C-alpha atoms as a PDB file:
ATOM      1  CA  UNK A   1    -124.067 -32.919  89.248  1.00  0.00           C
ATOM      2  CA  UNK A   2    -121.884 -33.744  92.321  1.00  0.00           C
ATOM      3  CA  UNK A   3    -118.683 -35.639  92.134  1.00  0.00           C
ATOM      4  CA  UNK A   4    -118.934 -39.246  93.155  1.00  0.00           C
ATOM      5  CA  UNK A   5    -119.663 -42.611  91.904  1.00  0.00           C
ATOM      6  CA  UNK A   6    -122.778 -44.592  91.169  1.00  0.00           C
ATOM      7  CA  UNK A   7    -123.402 -47.775  89.054  1.00  0.00           C
ATOM      8  CA  UNK A   8    -119.596 -47.875  88.273  1.00  0.00           C
ATOM      9  CA  UNK A   9    -119.690 -44.375  86.623  1.00  0.00           C
ATOM     10  CA  UNK A  10    -117.607 -41.516  88.053  1.00  0.00           C
ATOM     11  CA  UNK A  11    -119.714 -38.185  87.754  1.00  0.00           C
ATOM     12  CA  UNK A  12    -117.966 -34.960  87.091  1.00  0.00           C
ATOM     13  CA  UNK A  13    -119.143 -31.473  86.857  1.00  0.00           C
ATOM     14  CA  UNK A  14    -119.530 -30.113  83.351  1.00  0.00           C
ATOM     15  CA  UNK A  15    -116.399 -27.870  83.338  1.00  0.00           C
ATOM     16  CA  UNK A  16    -114.323 -30.823  84.636  1.00  0.00           C
ATOM     17  CA  UNK A  17    -115.870 -33.116  82.145  1.00  0.00           C
ATOM     18  CA  UNK A  18    -115.240 -30.967  79.223  1.00  0.00           C
ATOM     19  CA  UNK A  19    -111.557 -30.371  80.280  1.00  0.00           C
ATOM     20  CA  UNK A  20    -111.203 -34.077  80.532  1.00  0.00           C
ATOM     21  CA  UNK A  21    -112.985 -34.862  77.419  1.00  0.00           C
ATOM     22  CA  UNK A  22    -111.085 -32.396  75.185  1.00  0.00           C
ATOM     23  CA  UNK A  23    -107.862 -34.338  75.940  1.00  0.00           C
ATOM     24  CA  UNK A  24    -109.164 -37.294  74.092  1.00  0.00           C
ATOM     25  CA  UNK A  25    -112.044 -36.376  71.866  1.00  0.00           C
ATOM     26  CA  UNK A  26    -112.842 -33.794  69.143  1.00  0.00           C
ATOM     27  CA  UNK A  27    -116.649 -33.649  69.859  1.00  0.00           C
ATOM     28  CA  UNK A  28    -118.670 -34.262  72.838  1.00  0.00           C
ATOM     29  CA  UNK A  29    -122.096 -35.555  71.953  1.00  0.00           C
ATOM     30  CA  UNK A  30    -124.748 -34.859  74.691  1.00  0.00           C
ATOM     31  CA  UNK A  31    -128.419 -34.522  75.393  1.00  0.00           C
ATOM     32  CA  UNK A  32    -127.810 -31.730  77.993  1.00  0.00           C
ATOM     33  CA  UNK A  33    -129.828 -28.834  76.512  1.00  0.00           C
ATOM     34  CA  UNK A  34    -128.234 -26.359  78.850  1.00  0.00           C
ATOM     35  CA  UNK A  35    -124.468 -27.059  78.277  1.00  0.00           C
ATOM     36  CA  UNK A  36    -124.161 -24.521  75.474  1.00  0.00           C
ATOM     37  CA  UNK A  37    -125.408 -21.740  77.912  1.00  0.00           C
ATOM     38  CA  UNK A  38    -123.821 -23.015  81.237  1.00  0.00           C
ATOM     39  CA  UNK A  39    -120.289 -23.425  79.721  1.00  0.00           C
ATOM     40  CA  UNK A  40    -117.900 -20.990  77.852  1.00  0.00           C
ATOM     41  CA  UNK A  41    -116.958 -23.148  74.746  1.00  0.00           C
ATOM     42  CA  UNK A  42    -115.236 -20.405  72.922  1.00  0.00           C
ATOM     43  CA  UNK A  43    -111.712 -21.479  74.013  1.00  0.00           C
ATOM     44  CA  UNK A  44    -112.298 -25.217  73.978  1.00  0.00           C
ATOM     45  CA  UNK A  45    -110.259 -27.552  71.848  1.00  0.00           C
ATOM     46  CA  UNK A  46    -113.301 -29.585  71.050  1.00  0.00           C
ATOM     47  CA  UNK A  47    -116.839 -28.922  69.869  1.00  0.00           C
ATOM     48  CA  UNK A  48    -120.314 -29.861  71.526  1.00  0.00           C
ATOM     49  CA  UNK A  49    -123.124 -31.594  69.602  1.00  0.00           C
ATOM     50  CA  UNK A  50    -126.417 -31.378  71.417  1.00  0.00           C
ATOM     51  CA  UNK A  51    -128.990 -33.808  70.537  1.00  0.00           C
ATOM     52  CA  UNK A  52    -132.476 -32.086  71.139  1.00  0.00           C
ATOM     53  CA  UNK A  53    -135.162 -34.818  71.231  1.00  0.00           C
ATOM     54  CA  UNK A  54    -138.312 -35.457  73.300  1.00  0.00           C
ATOM     55  CA  UNK A  55    -136.152 -37.733  75.422  1.00  0.00           C
ATOM     56  CA  UNK A  56    -132.825 -39.701  75.431  1.00  0.00           C
ATOM     57  CA  UNK A  57    -134.567 -42.858  74.495  1.00  0.00           C
ATOM     58  CA  UNK A  58    -133.299 -44.388  71.224  1.00  0.00           C
ATOM     59  CA  UNK A  59    -136.703 -44.190  69.516  1.00  0.00           C
ATOM     60  CA  UNK A  60    -136.741 -40.281  70.065  1.00  0.00           C
ATOM     61  CA  UNK A  61    -133.167 -39.916  69.095  1.00  0.00           C
ATOM     62  CA  UNK A  62    -133.069 -42.048  65.951  1.00  0.00           C
ATOM     63  CA  UNK A  63    -135.062 -39.505  63.652  1.00  0.00           C
ATOM     64  CA  UNK A  64    -132.239 -36.821  64.379  1.00  0.00           C
ATOM     65  CA  UNK A  65    -129.262 -39.093  63.552  1.00  0.00           C
ATOM     66  CA  UNK A  66    -128.999 -37.950  59.957  1.00  0.00           C
ATOM     67  CA  UNK A  67    -128.825 -34.248  61.113  1.00  0.00           C
ATOM     68  CA  UNK A  68    -126.332 -35.226  63.827  1.00  0.00           C
ATOM     69  CA  UNK A  69    -124.048 -36.930  61.309  1.00  0.00           C
ATOM     70  CA  UNK A  70    -124.286 -33.925  58.955  1.00  0.00           C
ATOM     71  CA  UNK A  71    -123.402 -31.610  61.801  1.00  0.00           C
ATOM     72  CA  UNK A  72    -120.405 -33.679  62.743  1.00  0.00           C
ATOM     73  CA  UNK A  73    -119.026 -33.119  59.265  1.00  0.00           C
ATOM     74  CA  UNK A  74    -118.977 -29.182  59.741  1.00  0.00           C
ATOM     75  CA  UNK A  75    -118.599 -28.546  63.519  1.00  0.00           C
ATOM     76  CA  UNK A  76    -115.532 -26.779  64.767  1.00  0.00           C
ATOM     77  CA  UNK A  77    -113.715 -26.606  68.045  1.00  0.00           C
ATOM     78  CA  UNK A  78    -115.234 -23.932  70.495  1.00  0.00           C
ATOM     79  CA  UNK A  79    -118.559 -24.327  68.962  1.00  0.00           C
ATOM     80  CA  UNK A  80    -121.919 -25.940  69.879  1.00  0.00           C
ATOM     81  CA  UNK A  81    -124.467 -27.180  67.455  1.00  0.00           C
ATOM     82  CA  UNK A  82    -127.896 -28.329  68.369  1.00  0.00           C
ATOM     83  CA  UNK A  83    -129.804 -30.770  66.135  1.00  0.00           C
ATOM     84  CA  UNK A  84    -133.211 -31.834  66.466  1.00  0.00           C
ATOM     85  CA  UNK A  85    -136.213 -30.029  68.113  1.00  0.00           C
ATOM     86  CA  UNK A  86    -135.650 -26.519  69.394  1.00  0.00           C
END
């Protein structure tokens, strides 16, 4: 993803996004199915929760919300957990 702006959003490459996010957040919730393979999360100060659904539409994400909430209770920094369809 190139750096730039669009629709009022500033886009960052995943490594930069993770570095910025871990300054403020404990967990990054994403639908990016490749992030756990593309990024070295082992030394990160935050965790990544990957929502694996048919799409990122609310009707596809809604059924996995209970599993996501349960994962948030046990996730640890430097780890990625995937919930939903494999």
